Amino acid sequence: MNKIFIVGYHQSAFGKLMDVTLEQAFANAANGALATVGATPEVVDTISMAACCAPLLNDQMLLSGLLADAPGFANKPIDTAENACASGGQALLNVAYRLLAGAADVGLVVGAEKMRNDLGKMDGLQVGKALGTASHPDEREGKTFVFPHIFAEIMQRYIATHKDASEELLAHVAATHYGHANENPLAQMRKIKVTPEDVMRIEGVNRYVVPGLPLKTYDASQISDGYAALVVVNSRGLEKLGVPRERVVELAGFAQRTDPLRTAQRDDILAPRGAYGAVAAAYEMAGITADRVSVAEVHDCFSVMGAMGVEIIGKAGYGEGARYYADGKARVDGGATPINTSGGLMAKGHPIGATGVAMPGWCYQQLVGDVPAALQVKDLDHAATFNIGGPICASVVTVLKKV
């Protein structure tokens, strides 16, 4: 079987792109990633792109043509991946499959999102409506902000189902990820200090998002602009680019599975069969079990997903994810497997189309030693990512290892 490698990564700071257009963001991401391997667009055989909200927030559906406008990118196979918040992860898989098939040797995975205007301001209602289209129509009625409402209900169910789960324990998810983001110079919330006590204190910006449900402002991910890109190659592409061995990371395993879109009728919402199936398939492809994963990035769109993500990737038992955080095991210095050392969606930021690219991008940087010293995990074996789209619907999982 042909092997797939990640050999380069580039991203913007997450938060506000100001007057950088979506077109410029794509070009910056693609050229920035190529620059990390000393290459130009001419070497690229295939490209997959993601910008989930562009049709609704930027009035732009045909994204591939935007990148084709940039010098050197015309007349190339370019597609756009759409799988809600897992669009970036899906774009990576799109490229990986073509490389495996031998239809291309050098690929680019590009993700971006422009969710704020040129002054850095956002229209919360517009963003909420755009994101809400990734839910089932039957579950939108009566919900001003659809996803916070749905995940507030999931959070309530998680707490009610598991005896070792509470708002207080889940508060450690946000505190852990904000702590990591404080050391990440590209994180949106890098200057914001958050403790578990802050998450539980209802004052200032922190409030209950839906009356009667446990989700608070600090339990939620950010509204973010940003871009990211990966250079991905097969064995022939690796020879063409001549990347030094110490800069090469193998994409050893990957998988995608899809659960039903409706949440209310799902009896497995706290243990989604598709999500667990994607993890099992990616681990099987990589030839590993969960104990070989040394660091992971999970899709913490809300704190309950940070806890569930740890369970889904096999680092905590069912219902024990909140305790994993409360015991400090998710921290870089926690003595176990650190989770979201980038700061995660909650604190690094969540530019939707870029998120599923940035997760393996950060793991690539962990494996080649490019992250800030305070966040660098020692004695790395494998890294894993778990990226979801919608209400735990589309799941993309990757496993990376150093060559």
Protein backbone atom coordinates (compact mmCIF):
# COMPACT_ATOMS: atom_id res chain seq x y z
CA MET A 1 0.00 0.00 0.00
CA ASN A 2 1.31 3.45 -0.92
CA LYS A 3 2.12 5.60 2.08
CA ILE A 4 0.89 9.14 2.66
CA PHE A 5 2.95 11.86 4.33
CA ILE A 6 2.41 15.37 5.66
CA VAL A 7 5.50 17.42 4.92
CA GLY A 8 4.45 21.04 5.42
CA TYR A 9 1.95 23.19 7.31
CA HIS A 10 1.06 26.86 7.52
CA GLN A 11 -1.68 28.78 9.29
CA SER A 12 -2.67 32.31 10.17
CA ALA A 13 -3.34 33.57 13.64
CA PHE A 14 -6.95 32.67 14.43
CA GLY A 15 -9.41 35.36 15.45
CA LYS A 16 -9.80 38.28 13.04
CA LEU A 17 -8.54 38.58 9.47
CA MET A 18 -9.83 42.17 9.24
CA ASP A 19 -9.70 43.26 5.56
CA VAL A 20 -8.04 40.05 4.29
CA THR A 21 -10.55 38.61 1.81
CA LEU A 22 -11.50 34.96 1.56
CA GLU A 23 -9.70 34.82 -1.79
CA GLN A 24 -6.53 36.22 -0.23
CA ALA A 25 -6.84 33.82 2.70
CA PHE A 26 -6.86 30.80 0.38
CA ALA A 27 -3.84 32.07 -1.56
CA ASN A 28 -1.94 32.94 1.63
CA ALA A 29 -2.61 29.50 3.11
CA ALA A 30 -1.62 27.58 -0.03
CA ASN A 31 1.53 29.58 -0.75
CA GLY A 32 2.50 29.63 2.91
CA ALA A 33 2.34 25.85 3.15
CA LEU A 34 4.31 25.38 -0.07
CA ALA A 35 6.96 27.80 1.21
CA THR A 36 7.60 25.51 4.19
CA VAL A 37 8.90 22.86 1.77
CA GLY A 38 10.57 25.29 -0.61
CA ALA A 39 8.04 24.56 -3.37
CA THR A 40 5.86 26.56 -5.75
CA PRO A 41 2.35 25.87 -7.09
CA GLU A 42 3.74 24.15 -10.20
CA VAL A 43 4.53 20.98 -8.21
CA VAL A 44 0.95 20.54 -6.96
CA ASP A 45 -1.15 17.82 -8.64
CA THR A 46 -4.38 18.04 -6.64
CA ILE A 47 -6.08 20.39 -4.16
CA SER A 48 -9.08 20.08 -1.86
CA MET A 49 -10.50 23.16 -0.12
CA ALA A 50 -12.92 23.91 2.69
CA ALA A 51 -14.86 26.99 3.80
CA CYS A 52 -18.10 25.76 5.26
CA CYS A 53 -19.85 29.11 5.79
CA ALA A 54 -18.75 30.89 2.60
CA PRO A 55 -22.03 30.46 0.67
CA LEU A 56 -24.06 32.02 3.50
CA LEU A 57 -21.60 34.47 5.09
CA ASN A 58 -19.53 35.51 2.06
CA ASP A 59 -21.97 34.99 -0.83
CA GLN A 60 -19.50 32.64 -2.48
CA MET A 61 -20.19 29.02 -3.38
CA LEU A 62 -17.54 28.22 -5.99
CA LEU A 63 -14.39 28.35 -3.88
CA SER A 64 -12.04 26.45 -6.18
CA GLY A 65 -12.13 29.28 -8.71
CA LEU A 66 -10.95 31.74 -6.07
CA LEU A 67 -7.74 29.80 -5.59
CA ALA A 68 -7.39 29.25 -9.35
CA ASP A 69 -7.25 33.06 -9.66
CA ALA A 70 -3.98 33.06 -7.69
CA PRO A 71 -0.75 32.86 -9.75
CA GLY A 72 0.25 29.30 -10.51
CA PHE A 73 -2.98 27.60 -9.42
CA ALA A 74 -4.99 27.71 -12.65
CA ASN A 75 -5.60 24.53 -14.64
CA LYS A 76 -5.30 22.24 -11.62
CA PRO A 77 -7.78 19.71 -10.20
CA ILE A 78 -9.38 21.61 -7.29
CA ASP A 79 -12.48 20.57 -5.38
CA THR A 80 -14.38 21.89 -2.39
CA ALA A 81 -15.18 19.54 0.52
CA GLU A 82 -18.37 20.07 2.51
CA ASN A 83 -19.05 18.16 5.72
CA ALA A 84 -20.02 21.01 8.07
CA CYS A 85 -17.35 21.56 10.74
CA ALA A 86 -15.54 18.44 9.48
CA SER A 87 -15.08 19.97 6.01
CA GLY A 88 -11.35 20.55 6.54
CA GLY A 89 -10.84 16.98 7.72
CA GLN A 90 -12.84 15.73 4.75
CA ALA A 91 -10.63 17.77 2.41
CA LEU A 92 -7.57 16.02 3.84
CA LEU A 93 -9.15 12.62 3.19
CA ASN A 94 -10.10 13.66 -0.34
CA VAL A 95 -6.46 14.39 -1.12
CA ALA A 96 -5.18 11.30 0.71
CA TYR A 97 -7.38 8.96 -1.33
CA ARG A 98 -6.15 10.45 -4.62
CA LEU A 99 -2.54 10.10 -3.50
CA LEU A 100 -3.16 6.50 -2.49
CA ALA A 101 -4.73 5.77 -5.87
CA GLY A 102 -1.70 7.23 -7.65
CA ALA A 103 -3.85 9.86 -9.38
CA ALA A 104 -1.59 12.55 -7.90
CA ASP A 105 1.73 12.74 -6.05
CA VAL A 106 1.70 16.17 -4.39
CA GLY A 107 -1.46 17.57 -2.85
CA LEU A 108 -2.61 20.65 -0.98
CA VAL A 109 -5.34 20.77 1.67
CA VAL A 110 -6.57 24.32 2.23
CA GLY A 111 -9.14 25.53 4.76
CA ALA A 112 -10.32 29.03 5.58
CA GLU A 113 -13.23 30.93 7.05
CA LYS A 114 -14.17 34.59 7.17
CA MET A 115 -16.86 34.86 9.86
CA ARG A 116 -16.29 38.51 10.79
CA ASN A 117 -16.37 41.69 8.73
CA ASP A 118 -13.37 43.82 7.76
CA LEU A 119 -13.55 45.63 11.11
CA GLY A 120 -13.42 42.35 13.02
CA LYS A 121 -17.08 42.57 14.05
CA MET A 122 -19.53 39.71 13.77
CA ASP A 123 -23.28 39.41 13.29
CA GLY A 124 -24.14 36.78 15.87
CA LEU A 125 -27.61 36.10 14.50
CA GLN A 126 -26.31 35.69 10.95
CA VAL A 127 -23.51 33.37 12.06
CA GLY A 128 -25.91 31.37 14.23
CA LYS A 129 -28.34 30.95 11.34
CA ALA A 130 -25.56 29.89 8.96
CA LEU A 131 -24.21 27.29 11.37
CA GLY A 132 -27.71 26.11 12.16
CA THR A 133 -28.14 24.87 8.61
CA ALA A 134 -25.88 21.94 9.56
CA SER A 135 -28.65 20.59 11.82
CA HIS A 136 -31.80 18.70 10.92
CA PRO A 137 -34.68 21.07 9.99
CA ASP A 138 -36.95 19.38 12.55
CA GLU A 139 -34.59 20.38 15.37
CA ARG A 140 -34.28 24.09 14.60
CA GLU A 141 -37.73 25.28 15.68
CA GLY A 142 -37.65 27.54 18.72
CA LYS A 143 -33.84 27.71 18.80
CA THR A 144 -32.30 31.14 18.13
CA PHE A 145 -28.79 29.67 18.23
CA VAL A 146 -29.24 26.09 17.11
CA PHE A 147 -25.91 24.46 17.93
CA PRO A 148 -25.40 25.91 21.41
CA HIS A 149 -28.95 24.77 22.18
CA ILE A 150 -28.44 21.24 20.84
CA PHE A 151 -25.13 20.80 22.66
CA ALA A 152 -26.58 22.29 25.85
CA GLU A 153 -29.11 19.48 25.72
CA ILE A 154 -26.33 16.95 25.10
CA MET A 155 -24.37 18.43 28.02
CA GLN A 156 -27.42 18.11 30.28
CA ARG A 157 -27.85 14.49 29.19
CA TYR A 158 -24.16 13.77 29.79
CA ILE A 159 -24.36 15.11 33.35
CA ALA A 160 -27.61 13.26 34.07
CA THR A 161 -26.32 9.96 32.66
CA HIS A 162 -22.88 9.77 34.25
CA LYS A 163 -22.49 9.83 38.02
CA ASP A 164 -18.93 11.13 37.70
CA ALA A 165 -19.90 14.17 35.63
CA SER A 166 -21.03 17.65 36.61
CA GLU A 167 -20.83 21.27 35.51
CA GLU A 168 -17.94 21.68 37.93
CA LEU A 169 -15.93 18.84 36.39
CA LEU A 170 -16.69 19.95 32.83
CA ALA A 171 -15.43 23.44 33.74
CA HIS A 172 -11.92 21.93 33.67
CA VAL A 173 -12.22 21.35 29.90
CA ALA A 174 -12.31 25.08 29.12
CA ALA A 175 -9.73 25.91 31.80
CA THR A 176 -7.31 23.31 30.39
CA HIS A 177 -7.65 24.45 26.80
CA TYR A 178 -7.43 28.16 27.64
CA GLY A 179 -4.29 27.37 29.62
CA HIS A 180 -2.72 25.77 26.57
CA ALA A 181 -3.82 28.66 24.33
CA ASN A 182 -2.02 31.11 26.62
CA GLU A 183 1.23 29.57 25.31
CA ASN A 184 0.17 29.48 21.63
CA PRO A 185 0.99 32.78 19.88
CA LEU A 186 -1.52 32.05 17.08
CA ALA A 187 -4.46 31.26 19.38
CA GLN A 188 -7.45 33.59 19.41
CA MET A 189 -7.77 33.59 23.21
CA ARG A 190 -4.03 33.61 23.97
CA LYS A 191 -4.35 36.61 26.30
CA ILE A 192 -7.40 35.39 28.22
CA LYS A 193 -6.89 33.55 31.51
CA VAL A 194 -9.70 31.19 32.52
CA THR A 195 -9.89 29.00 35.62
CA PRO A 196 -12.54 26.39 36.48
CA GLU A 197 -13.91 28.92 38.96
CA ASP A 198 -14.24 31.49 36.16
CA VAL A 199 -16.26 29.00 34.10
CA MET A 200 -18.66 28.46 36.99
CA ARG A 201 -18.97 32.18 37.86
CA ILE A 202 -21.95 33.73 36.07
CA GLU A 203 -20.91 37.33 35.53
CA GLY A 204 -19.62 39.60 32.77
CA VAL A 205 -19.29 37.77 29.46
CA ASN A 206 -19.99 34.39 31.06
CA ARG A 207 -23.66 33.44 31.18
CA TYR A 208 -25.94 30.47 30.62
CA VAL A 209 -26.52 30.36 26.87
CA VAL A 210 -29.94 28.66 27.10
CA PRO A 211 -32.05 29.20 30.24
CA GLY A 212 -32.43 25.99 32.22
CA LEU A 213 -29.55 24.20 30.50
CA PRO A 214 -25.95 23.93 31.82
CA LEU A 215 -23.97 25.33 28.85
CA LYS A 216 -22.19 28.62 29.57
CA THR A 217 -20.28 31.08 27.41
CA TYR A 218 -16.90 29.68 28.48
CA ASP A 219 -18.14 26.19 27.54
CA ALA A 220 -18.35 27.25 23.88
CA SER A 221 -15.87 27.58 21.02
CA GLN A 222 -15.12 30.86 19.29
CA ILE A 223 -16.41 32.72 16.24
CA SER A 224 -13.21 32.97 14.26
CA ASP A 225 -11.52 34.00 11.04
CA GLY A 226 -8.45 32.13 9.92
CA TYR A 227 -6.78 29.90 7.37
CA ALA A 228 -4.58 26.81 7.30
CA ALA A 229 -3.01 24.50 4.71
CA LEU A 230 -1.15 21.20 4.57
CA VAL A 231 1.24 19.81 1.97
CA VAL A 232 0.47 16.10 1.61
CA VAL A 233 2.38 13.66 -0.61
CA ASN A 234 2.76 9.98 -1.44
CA SER A 235 6.10 8.22 -1.74
CA ARG A 236 6.72 9.56 -5.25
CA GLY A 237 5.81 13.07 -4.14
CA LEU A 238 8.20 12.77 -1.22
CA GLU A 239 11.02 12.01 -3.63
CA LYS A 240 10.02 14.91 -5.89
CA LEU A 241 10.08 17.45 -3.05
CA GLY A 242 13.16 16.09 -1.29
CA VAL A 243 11.91 17.05 2.17
CA PRO A 244 14.39 16.23 4.97
CA ARG A 245 13.40 13.11 6.88
CA GLU A 246 13.07 15.00 10.17
CA ARG A 247 10.30 17.13 8.61
CA VAL A 248 8.23 14.16 7.41
CA VAL A 249 5.22 12.75 9.27
CA GLU A 250 3.24 9.76 8.03
CA LEU A 251 -0.54 9.96 7.81
CA ALA A 252 -0.66 6.42 9.12
CA GLY A 253 -4.41 6.05 9.55
CA PHE A 254 -7.58 7.89 8.64
CA ALA A 255 -11.31 7.25 8.42
CA GLN A 256 -14.67 8.95 8.10
CA ARG A 257 -18.07 7.80 9.34
CA THR A 258 -21.48 9.48 9.49
CA ASP A 259 -24.13 9.26 12.20
CA PRO A 260 -27.80 10.33 11.72
CA LEU A 261 -28.38 14.08 11.73
CA ARG A 262 -31.30 14.04 14.17
CA THR A 263 -30.15 14.04 17.80
CA ALA A 264 -33.38 13.79 19.78
CA GLN A 265 -34.18 10.23 18.68
CA ARG A 266 -30.64 8.88 18.90
CA ASP A 267 -30.10 6.45 21.75
CA ASP A 268 -26.35 6.58 21.15
CA ILE A 269 -25.83 10.34 21.24
CA LEU A 270 -23.35 10.03 24.13
CA ALA A 271 -21.52 7.17 22.38
CA PRO A 272 -22.00 7.82 18.65
CA ARG A 273 -21.51 4.62 16.71
CA GLY A 274 -20.11 6.39 13.66
CA ALA A 275 -17.59 8.38 15.69
CA TYR A 276 -16.36 5.29 17.51
CA GLY A 277 -16.30 3.43 14.20
CA ALA A 278 -14.13 6.09 12.58
CA VAL A 279 -11.63 5.89 15.45
CA ALA A 280 -11.52 2.10 15.28
CA ALA A 281 -10.98 2.15 11.50
CA ALA A 282 -8.22 4.78 11.67
CA TYR A 283 -6.43 2.90 14.47
CA GLU A 284 -6.71 -0.34 12.50
CA MET A 285 -5.23 1.29 9.39
CA ALA A 286 -2.37 2.68 11.48
CA GLY A 287 -1.87 -0.69 13.20
CA ILE A 288 -2.14 0.76 16.70
CA THR A 289 -4.38 0.84 19.75
CA ALA A 290 -5.32 3.89 21.82
CA ASP A 291 -2.42 3.42 24.23
CA ARG A 292 0.01 4.33 21.42
CA VAL A 293 -1.48 7.83 21.07
CA SER A 294 0.77 10.33 22.86
CA VAL A 295 -1.07 13.57 22.04
CA ALA A 296 -4.46 14.39 20.50
CA GLU A 297 -6.59 17.19 19.14
CA VAL A 298 -10.33 16.63 19.63
CA HIS A 299 -13.27 18.69 18.42
CA ASP A 300 -14.16 20.70 21.54
CA CYS A 301 -16.85 22.85 19.95
CA PHE A 302 -18.39 22.75 23.43
CA SER A 303 -16.92 21.49 26.70
CA VAL A 304 -19.02 18.33 26.68
CA MET A 305 -17.40 17.40 23.36
CA GLY A 306 -13.96 17.79 24.90
CA ALA A 307 -14.95 15.22 27.52
CA MET A 308 -16.67 12.94 25.02
CA GLY A 309 -13.79 13.31 22.57
CA VAL A 310 -11.35 11.86 25.11
CA GLU A 311 -13.69 8.91 25.54
CA ILE A 312 -14.21 8.40 21.80
CA ILE A 313 -10.47 8.27 21.03
CA GLY A 314 -10.04 5.71 23.81
CA LYS A 315 -8.20 7.75 26.43
CA ALA A 316 -11.00 7.60 29.01
CA GLY A 317 -13.80 5.15 29.64
CA TYR A 318 -17.43 5.88 28.83
CA GLY A 319 -18.58 8.71 31.08
CA GLU A 320 -15.07 9.32 32.47
CA GLY A 321 -13.99 12.13 30.14
CA ALA A 322 -14.91 14.96 32.49
CA ARG A 323 -12.92 13.32 35.28
CA TYR A 324 -9.93 12.95 32.90
CA TYR A 325 -9.84 16.76 32.67
CA ALA A 326 -10.56 17.40 36.34
CA ASP A 327 -7.67 15.11 37.28
CA GLY A 328 -5.33 17.20 35.11
CA LYS A 329 -4.57 14.37 32.68
CA ALA A 330 -5.34 16.50 29.59
CA ARG A 331 -2.68 19.09 30.44
CA VAL A 332 0.75 19.05 28.86
CA ASP A 333 2.20 18.46 32.33
CA GLY A 334 -0.55 16.07 33.42
CA GLY A 335 1.35 12.81 33.16
CA ALA A 336 -1.09 11.22 30.69
CA THR A 337 -2.07 12.02 27.08
CA PRO A 338 -2.33 15.81 26.62
CA ILE A 339 -5.44 16.96 24.77
CA ASN A 340 -5.75 20.07 22.59
CA THR A 341 -2.34 21.46 23.35
CA SER A 342 -3.11 24.07 20.66
CA GLY A 343 -5.91 25.49 22.80
CA GLY A 344 -8.58 23.68 20.83
CA LEU A 345 -11.65 25.20 19.25
CA MET A 346 -12.56 26.82 22.56
CA ALA A 347 -9.41 28.91 22.84
CA LYS A 348 -7.24 28.46 19.73
CA GLY A 349 -10.33 29.40 17.69
CA HIS A 350 -12.78 27.76 15.33
CA PRO A 351 -12.68 29.13 11.76
CA ILE A 352 -14.92 26.31 10.55
CA GLY A 353 -13.30 25.41 7.22
CA ALA A 354 -9.80 25.66 8.67
CA THR A 355 -10.45 23.65 11.84
CA GLY A 356 -10.15 20.16 10.34
CA VAL A 357 -6.91 21.23 8.62
CA ALA A 358 -5.43 22.89 11.71
CA MET A 359 -5.97 19.86 13.94
CA PRO A 360 -3.62 17.52 12.02
CA GLY A 361 -1.48 20.57 11.24
CA TRP A 362 -0.85 21.15 14.94
CA CYS A 363 -0.18 17.44 15.47
CA TYR A 364 2.32 17.59 12.61
CA GLN A 365 4.03 20.47 14.40
CA GLN A 366 4.07 18.49 17.64
CA LEU A 367 5.74 15.55 15.90
CA VAL A 368 8.43 17.65 14.20
CA GLY A 369 9.03 19.84 17.26
CA ASP A 370 7.65 23.12 15.93
CA VAL A 371 5.29 24.05 18.78
CA PRO A 372 6.30 26.44 21.60
CA ALA A 373 8.49 24.77 24.20
CA ALA A 374 5.85 25.03 26.94
CA LEU A 375 3.43 23.01 24.78
CA GLN A 376 5.85 20.45 23.34
CA VAL A 377 4.99 16.91 24.37
CA LYS A 378 8.02 14.73 25.02
CA ASP A 379 8.62 11.14 23.85
CA LEU A 380 5.95 11.19 21.16
CA ASP A 381 4.74 7.99 19.56
CA HIS A 382 1.55 8.71 17.56
CA ALA A 383 -0.81 11.70 17.42
CA ALA A 384 -4.55 11.53 16.73
CA THR A 385 -7.26 13.96 15.69
CA PHE A 386 -11.04 13.70 16.00
CA ASN A 387 -12.96 16.26 13.92
CA ILE A 388 -16.78 16.37 13.80
CA GLY A 389 -19.35 18.06 11.62
CA GLY A 390 -22.84 18.91 12.85
CA PRO A 391 -24.34 17.44 16.02
CA ILE A 392 -21.80 14.58 16.26
CA CYS A 393 -22.81 13.58 12.75
CA ALA A 394 -19.82 13.53 10.36
CA SER A 395 -16.65 12.25 12.06
CA VAL A 396 -13.15 12.41 10.55
CA VAL A 397 -10.26 10.77 12.42
CA THR A 398 -6.55 10.83 11.58
CA VAL A 399 -3.50 9.14 13.09
CA LEU A 400 -0.04 10.60 12.50
CA LYS A 401 3.42 9.24 13.29
CA LYS A 402 6.95 10.50 12.86
CA VAL A 403 8.93 8.90 10.06
